[in-house]
Every structure is written in structure tokens, then in C-alpha cells.
C-alpha atoms as a PDB file:
ATOM      1  CA  MET A   1     -18.955   0.819 -24.486  1.00  0.00           C
ATOM      2  CA  GLU A   2     -21.722   3.235 -23.599  1.00  0.00           C
ATOM      3  CA  LEU A   3     -21.649   2.107 -19.962  1.00  0.00           C
ATOM      4  CA  TYR A   4     -17.948   2.960 -19.647  1.00  0.00           C
ATOM      5  CA  THR A   5     -18.209   6.462 -21.059  1.00  0.00           C
ATOM      6  CA  PRO A   6     -18.784   8.184 -17.678  1.00  0.00           C
ATOM      7  CA  ILE A   7     -15.879   6.271 -16.123  1.00  0.00           C
ATOM      8  CA  LEU A   8     -13.562   7.214 -18.968  1.00  0.00           C
ATOM      9  CA  ALA A   9     -14.712  10.826 -18.773  1.00  0.00           C
ATOM     10  CA  LEU A  10     -14.019  10.910 -15.033  1.00  0.00           C
ATOM     11  CA  ALA A  11     -10.577   9.350 -15.571  1.00  0.00           C
ATOM     12  CA  LEU A  12      -9.762  11.956 -18.224  1.00  0.00           C
ATOM     13  CA  ILE A  13     -10.919  14.809 -16.000  1.00  0.00           C
ATOM     14  CA  ALA A  14      -8.881  13.460 -13.051  1.00  0.00           C
ATOM     15  CA  THR A  15      -5.773  13.025 -15.204  1.00  0.00           C
ATOM     16  CA  GLY A  16      -6.207  16.483 -16.698  1.00  0.00           C
ATOM     17  CA  PHE A  17      -6.586  18.045 -13.264  1.00  0.00           C
ATOM     18  CA  ALA A  18      -3.468  16.263 -11.974  1.00  0.00           C
ATOM     19  CA  VAL A  19      -1.358  17.332 -14.950  1.00  0.00           C
ATOM     20  CA  PHE A  20      -2.724  20.886 -14.784  1.00  0.00           C
ATOM     21  CA  SER A  21      -1.955  21.116 -11.045  1.00  0.00           C
ATOM     22  CA  VAL A  22       1.636  19.944 -11.466  1.00  0.00           C
ATOM     23  CA  ILE A  23       2.305  22.276 -14.369  1.00  0.00           C
ATOM     24  CA  MET A  24       0.703  25.296 -12.691  1.00  0.00           C
ATOM     25  CA  SER A  25       2.569  24.750  -9.427  1.00  0.00           C
ATOM     26  CA  ALA A  26       5.854  24.753 -11.360  1.00  0.00           C
ATOM     27  CA  VAL A  27       4.877  27.886 -13.295  1.00  0.00           C
ATOM     28  CA  VAL A  28       3.230  29.968 -10.571  1.00  0.00           C
ATOM     29  CA  GLY A  29       4.952  28.688  -7.405  1.00  0.00           C
ATOM     30  CA  PRO A  30       7.815  30.492  -5.683  1.00  0.00           C
ATOM     31  CA  LYS A  31      11.334  29.564  -6.714  1.00  0.00           C
ATOM     32  CA  ARG A  32      13.346  30.437  -3.619  1.00  0.00           C
ATOM     33  CA  TYR A  33      15.687  27.499  -3.104  1.00  0.00           C
ATOM     34  CA  ASN A  34      17.987  27.255  -0.139  1.00  0.00           C
ATOM     35  CA  ARG A  35      19.967  24.510   1.563  1.00  0.00           C
ATOM     36  CA  ALA A  36      17.254  23.738   4.125  1.00  0.00           C
ATOM     37  CA  LYS A  37      14.627  23.144   1.432  1.00  0.00           C
ATOM     38  CA  LEU A  38      16.887  20.861  -0.584  1.00  0.00           C
ATOM     39  CA  ASP A  39      17.939  18.824   2.464  1.00  0.00           C
ATOM     40  CA  SER A  40      16.101  15.613   3.311  1.00  0.00           C
ATOM     41  CA  TYR A  41      13.489  15.853   6.068  1.00  0.00           C
ATOM     42  CA  GLU A  42      13.141  13.253   8.825  1.00  0.00           C
ATOM     43  CA  CYS A  43      10.299  14.357  11.104  1.00  0.00           C
ATOM     44  CA  GLY A  44      12.038  17.444  12.389  1.00  0.00           C
ATOM     45  CA  ILE A  45      15.189  15.554  13.363  1.00  0.00           C
ATOM     46  CA  GLU A  46      18.529  16.350  11.781  1.00  0.00           C
ATOM     47  CA  PRO A  47      19.052  13.755   9.054  1.00  0.00           C
ATOM     48  CA  THR A  48      21.720  11.175   9.674  1.00  0.00           C
ATOM     49  CA  PRO A  49      24.419  10.885   7.033  1.00  0.00           C
ATOM     50  CA  GLN A  50      24.021   7.921   4.684  1.00  0.00           C
ATOM     51  CA  PRO A  51      26.854   5.814   3.276  1.00  0.00           C
ATOM     52  CA  VAL A  52      27.769   6.437  -0.352  1.00  0.00           C
ATOM     53  CA  GLY A  53      26.306   3.134  -1.587  1.00  0.00           C
ATOM     54  CA  GLY A  54      23.142   3.553   0.495  1.00  0.00           C
ATOM     55  CA  GLY A  55      22.387   2.105   3.897  1.00  0.00           C
ATOM     56  CA  ARG A  56      21.270  -1.417   4.669  1.00  0.00           C
ATOM     57  CA  PHE A  57      17.773  -1.893   6.035  1.00  0.00           C
ATOM     58  CA  PRO A  58      17.033  -4.571   8.597  1.00  0.00           C
ATOM     59  CA  VAL A  59      15.096  -7.553   7.268  1.00  0.00           C
ATOM     60  CA  LYS A  60      12.314  -6.749   9.748  1.00  0.00           C
ATOM     61  CA  TYR A  61      11.105  -3.910   7.496  1.00  0.00           C
ATOM     62  CA  PHE A  62      10.689  -6.267   4.566  1.00  0.00           C
ATOM     63  CA  ILE A  63       8.945  -8.917   6.694  1.00  0.00           C
ATOM     64  CA  THR A  64       6.492  -6.300   7.946  1.00  0.00           C
ATOM     65  CA  ALA A  65       5.831  -5.176   4.364  1.00  0.00           C
ATOM     66  CA  MET A  66       5.178  -8.764   3.274  1.00  0.00           C
ATOM     67  CA  LEU A  67       2.769  -9.230   6.181  1.00  0.00           C
ATOM     68  CA  PHE A  68       0.774  -6.203   5.080  1.00  0.00           C
ATOM     69  CA  ILE A  69       0.642  -7.599   1.547  1.00  0.00           C
ATOM     70  CA  VAL A  70      -0.563 -11.003   2.777  1.00  0.00           C
ATOM     71  CA  PHE A  71      -3.362  -9.482   4.821  1.00  0.00           C
ATOM     72  CA  ASP A  72      -4.336  -7.136   1.984  1.00  0.00           C
ATOM     73  CA  ILE A  73      -4.621 -10.124  -0.337  1.00  0.00           C
ATOM     74  CA  GLU A  74      -6.783 -11.846   2.259  1.00  0.00           C
ATOM     75  CA  ILE A  75      -9.180  -8.904   2.271  1.00  0.00           C
ATOM     76  CA  ILE A  76      -9.229  -8.865  -1.537  1.00  0.00           C
ATOM     77  CA  PHE A  77     -10.413 -12.477  -1.499  1.00  0.00           C
ATOM     78  CA  LEU A  78     -12.928 -11.939   1.314  1.00  0.00           C
ATOM     79  CA  TYR A  79     -14.950  -9.204  -0.410  1.00  0.00           C
ATOM     80  CA  PRO A  80     -16.077 -11.192  -3.486  1.00  0.00           C
ATOM     81  CA  TRP A  81     -16.739 -14.204  -1.286  1.00  0.00           C
ATOM     82  CA  ALA A  82     -18.990 -12.139   0.978  1.00  0.00           C
ATOM     83  CA  VAL A  83     -20.888 -10.752  -2.003  1.00  0.00           C
ATOM     84  CA  HIS A  84     -21.583 -14.172  -3.563  1.00  0.00           C
ATOM     85  CA  PHE A  85     -21.777 -16.241  -0.372  1.00  0.00           C
ATOM     86  CA  ASP A  86     -25.367 -17.435  -0.875  1.00  0.00           C
ATOM     87  CA  ALA A  87     -24.642 -18.486  -4.475  1.00  0.00           C
ATOM     88  CA  MET A  88     -21.676 -20.689  -3.494  1.00  0.00           C
ATOM     89  CA  ARG A  89     -23.372 -22.349  -0.523  1.00  0.00           C
ATOM     90  CA  LEU A  90     -21.375 -25.048   1.310  1.00  0.00           C
ATOM     91  CA  PHE A  91     -18.543 -25.170  -1.252  1.00  0.00           C
ATOM     92  CA  GLY A  92     -17.794 -21.473  -0.765  1.00  0.00           C
ATOM     93  CA  LEU A  93     -17.897 -21.848   3.010  1.00  0.00           C
ATOM     94  CA  VAL A  94     -15.467 -24.775   3.014  1.00  0.00           C
ATOM     95  CA  GLU A  95     -13.085 -23.027   0.617  1.00  0.00           C
ATOM     96  CA  MET A  96     -13.057 -19.836   2.693  1.00  0.00           C
ATOM     97  CA  VAL A  97     -12.516 -21.746   5.937  1.00  0.00           C
ATOM     98  CA  LEU A  98      -9.497 -23.476   4.340  1.00  0.00           C
ATOM     99  CA  PHE A  99      -8.183 -20.141   3.053  1.00  0.00           C
ATOM    100  CA  ILE A 100      -8.587 -18.373   6.401  1.00  0.00           C
ATOM    101  CA  ALA A 101      -7.029 -21.344   8.219  1.00  0.00           C
ATOM    102  CA  THR A 102      -3.995 -21.131   5.937  1.00  0.00           C
ATOM    103  CA  VAL A 103      -3.620 -17.409   6.550  1.00  0.00           C
ATOM    104  CA  PHE A 104      -4.110 -17.950  10.293  1.00  0.00           C
ATOM    105  CA  VAL A 105      -1.316 -20.549  10.336  1.00  0.00           C
ATOM    106  CA  ALA A 106       0.991 -18.024   8.653  1.00  0.00           C
ATOM    107  CA  TYR A 107      -0.080 -15.358  11.152  1.00  0.00           C
ATOM    108  CA  ALA A 108       0.542 -17.686  14.125  1.00  0.00           C
ATOM    109  CA  TYR A 109       3.968 -18.610  12.729  1.00  0.00           C
ATOM    110  CA  VAL A 110       4.991 -14.972  12.346  1.00  0.00           C
ATOM    111  CA  TRP A 111       3.634 -14.125  15.785  1.00  0.00           C
ATOM    112  CA  ARG A 112       5.517 -17.016  17.381  1.00  0.00           C
ATOM    113  CA  ARG A 113       8.762 -16.066  15.628  1.00  0.00           C
ATOM    114  CA  GLY A 114       8.452 -12.485  16.934  1.00  0.00           C
ATOM    115  CA  GLY A 115       7.748 -10.862  13.578  1.00  0.00           C
ATOM    116  CA  LEU A 116       5.109  -8.591  15.115  1.00  0.00           C
ATOM    117  CA  ASP A 117       7.280  -7.309  17.994  1.00  0.00           C
ATOM    118  CA  TRP A 118       8.775  -3.852  17.600  1.00  0.00           C
ATOM    119  CA  ASP A 119      12.173  -3.358  19.201  1.00  0.00           C
END
């Protein structure tokens, strides 16, 4: 437990600073509300009205999000493999080649289907 004491102390300090900042901004900050501040902001463009039940998003947004998740997971698996590569020897190499080949097949499929093209 002694090794984790500095990490816990840092986490407590970070949490305390975050809570303190939020509370102080609410207490000290200006409270001049107007319609422009309460309106949604879309990069300087007048916001488009939304339907009452919420708008429908194209599936392309969700496919792009899933692609980012797949490639993030690939990186998460590559880091430990790179650290312990010499300990795993040929077995680790074969396993990583199979893993990267699987991800590459998924990438080629998405590329061929036009999942990476922006309209």
C-alpha cells in the first residue's frame, strides 16, 4: 500500500482542485444570463431547429465512432506486446501478426464499402 500512497494523494489533490474550481466559478463568476448565452452554439452558425423527439443521425457517424474504437483497442494491445516482445519470442510474434491481420481485414472491408469516405 505504501507504493500507492503518492498516486492516491495526487488523485485526491486533482479531485479537490476540480471540485474547488467548479464551486468557485459558480460562486464568484458573473451571473448575467441572456438569450444568446442560453442558446446552443454551432461554430458561429445559427443553430438549426431540432424536432421535438430529437433528430436522427446518419448511421455513418456511428460507423466512424466504432472504427475509432477498433483502432484504439488495437493500440491498447500493441503497447504491452511491444514492451514484452523479447519475452514472448516467436509465439508473441505469430499472435500479433494474426491480430494485426484480422484488424487489417476489417479495415480493408470498411475501406472497400466506403466507410472512410466523407460526403
